[in-house]
Amino acid sequence: MALTKKDLVLSVARDTGITQVDVKRVVQHTLSQIVQHLKDGKTIELRNFGVFKVRQRAPRRGRNPKTGQEVPVPPKRVVVFKPGLLMRQDIK
C-alpha cells in the first residue's frame, strides 16, 4: 500500500501536535519548491535521504509494438533519485 500525501500529513500532525491544515500547507509548499527547482534544472540534495536530479534522455529509435514500424522518440528530461547512505542502510 502506498503512503499518500494525506497519510503523511496525518502522521506528522499526530506526532507533532501541529494542525493538519498547517502541516498540509508546509508539505505542499515543500513539494512545490522541489518541483520548481527540478524544472529549473537544479539538483535537490536532502542530506541522509537522497538526491533528486534532472537528466536529459537522448533521442532514439523506437518501435510501434502493433505495427513493428520504427518511430523516432524525441529527447526528454526525466527525474532520477539516488538514495542517500542512511536510506540505503535502513532499507536493507
Protein backbone atom coordinates (compact mmCIF):
# COMPACT_ATOMS: atom_id res chain seq x y z
CA MET A 1 0.00 0.00 0.00
CA ALA A 2 1.34 3.43 -0.94
CA LEU A 3 1.85 6.27 1.50
CA THR A 4 -0.28 9.18 0.30
CA LYS A 5 0.22 12.86 0.98
CA LYS A 6 -2.83 12.72 3.25
CA ASP A 7 -1.29 9.84 5.26
CA LEU A 8 1.93 11.83 5.61
CA VAL A 9 0.06 14.94 6.78
CA LEU A 10 -1.96 12.95 9.32
CA SER A 11 1.15 11.26 10.69
CA VAL A 12 3.14 14.48 11.05
CA ALA A 13 0.17 16.31 12.60
CA ARG A 14 -0.37 13.49 15.10
CA ASP A 15 3.33 13.24 16.02
CA THR A 16 3.97 16.99 16.33
CA GLY A 17 0.68 18.40 17.58
CA ILE A 18 0.59 20.86 14.66
CA THR A 19 -2.77 21.23 12.93
CA GLN A 20 -3.39 19.21 9.77
CA VAL A 21 -4.05 22.42 7.83
CA ASP A 22 -0.64 23.85 8.75
CA VAL A 23 1.16 20.56 8.09
CA LYS A 24 -0.57 20.23 4.70
CA ARG A 25 0.46 23.78 3.78
CA VAL A 26 4.11 23.06 4.68
CA VAL A 27 4.17 19.70 2.87
CA GLN A 28 2.57 21.18 -0.26
CA HIS A 29 4.96 24.14 -0.25
CA THR A 30 7.94 21.81 0.16
CA LEU A 31 6.84 19.63 -2.74
CA SER A 32 6.17 22.69 -4.90
CA GLN A 33 9.66 24.01 -4.20
CA ILE A 34 11.21 20.67 -5.13
CA VAL A 35 9.28 20.58 -8.41
CA GLN A 36 10.15 24.20 -9.23
CA HIS A 37 13.86 23.65 -8.62
CA LEU A 38 13.81 20.50 -10.76
CA LYS A 39 12.03 22.43 -13.54
CA ASP A 40 14.86 24.97 -13.34
CA GLY A 41 17.37 22.13 -13.82
CA LYS A 42 18.72 22.29 -10.28
CA THR A 43 19.70 19.33 -8.10
CA ILE A 44 17.88 18.73 -4.81
CA GLU A 45 20.07 17.23 -2.10
CA LEU A 46 18.39 16.17 1.12
CA ARG A 47 21.12 15.03 3.50
CA ASN A 48 20.74 11.47 4.77
CA PHE A 49 17.75 10.99 2.44
CA GLY A 50 18.87 11.29 -1.16
CA VAL A 51 19.40 13.39 -4.27
CA PHE A 52 16.91 14.30 -6.99
CA LYS A 53 18.34 15.29 -10.39
CA VAL A 54 17.02 16.01 -13.85
CA ARG A 55 18.68 14.05 -16.64
CA GLN A 56 18.35 14.52 -20.37
CA ARG A 57 17.46 11.35 -22.26
CA ALA A 58 18.92 11.16 -25.74
CA PRO A 59 16.69 10.79 -28.78
CA ARG A 60 16.38 7.23 -30.01
CA ARG A 61 14.61 4.98 -32.45
CA GLY A 62 11.62 3.15 -31.02
CA ARG A 63 9.25 0.61 -32.48
CA ASN A 64 5.45 0.64 -32.58
CA PRO A 65 4.50 -2.69 -30.97
CA LYS A 66 1.34 -3.06 -33.06
CA THR A 67 2.83 -2.41 -36.48
CA GLY A 68 6.52 -3.01 -35.91
CA GLN A 69 7.23 0.30 -37.66
CA GLU A 70 10.20 2.32 -36.42
CA VAL A 71 9.32 5.67 -34.88
CA PRO A 72 11.58 8.44 -33.62
CA VAL A 73 11.45 9.01 -29.85
CA PRO A 74 12.36 12.62 -29.05
CA PRO A 75 14.76 13.62 -26.28
CA LYS A 76 13.18 14.32 -22.92
CA ARG A 77 14.03 15.33 -19.39
CA VAL A 78 13.44 12.80 -16.60
CA VAL A 79 13.79 12.99 -12.83
CA VAL A 80 16.11 10.47 -11.20
CA PHE A 81 16.52 9.76 -7.49
CA LYS A 82 19.60 8.37 -5.79
CA PRO A 83 19.02 7.32 -2.18
CA GLY A 84 21.41 8.56 0.49
CA LEU A 85 23.65 6.34 2.59
CA LEU A 86 21.36 6.22 5.63
CA MET A 87 18.35 5.32 3.48
CA ARG A 88 20.27 2.54 1.75
CA GLN A 89 21.37 1.17 5.13
CA ASP A 90 17.87 1.39 6.65
CA ILE A 91 16.14 -0.31 3.73
CA LYS A 92 18.48 -3.34 3.56
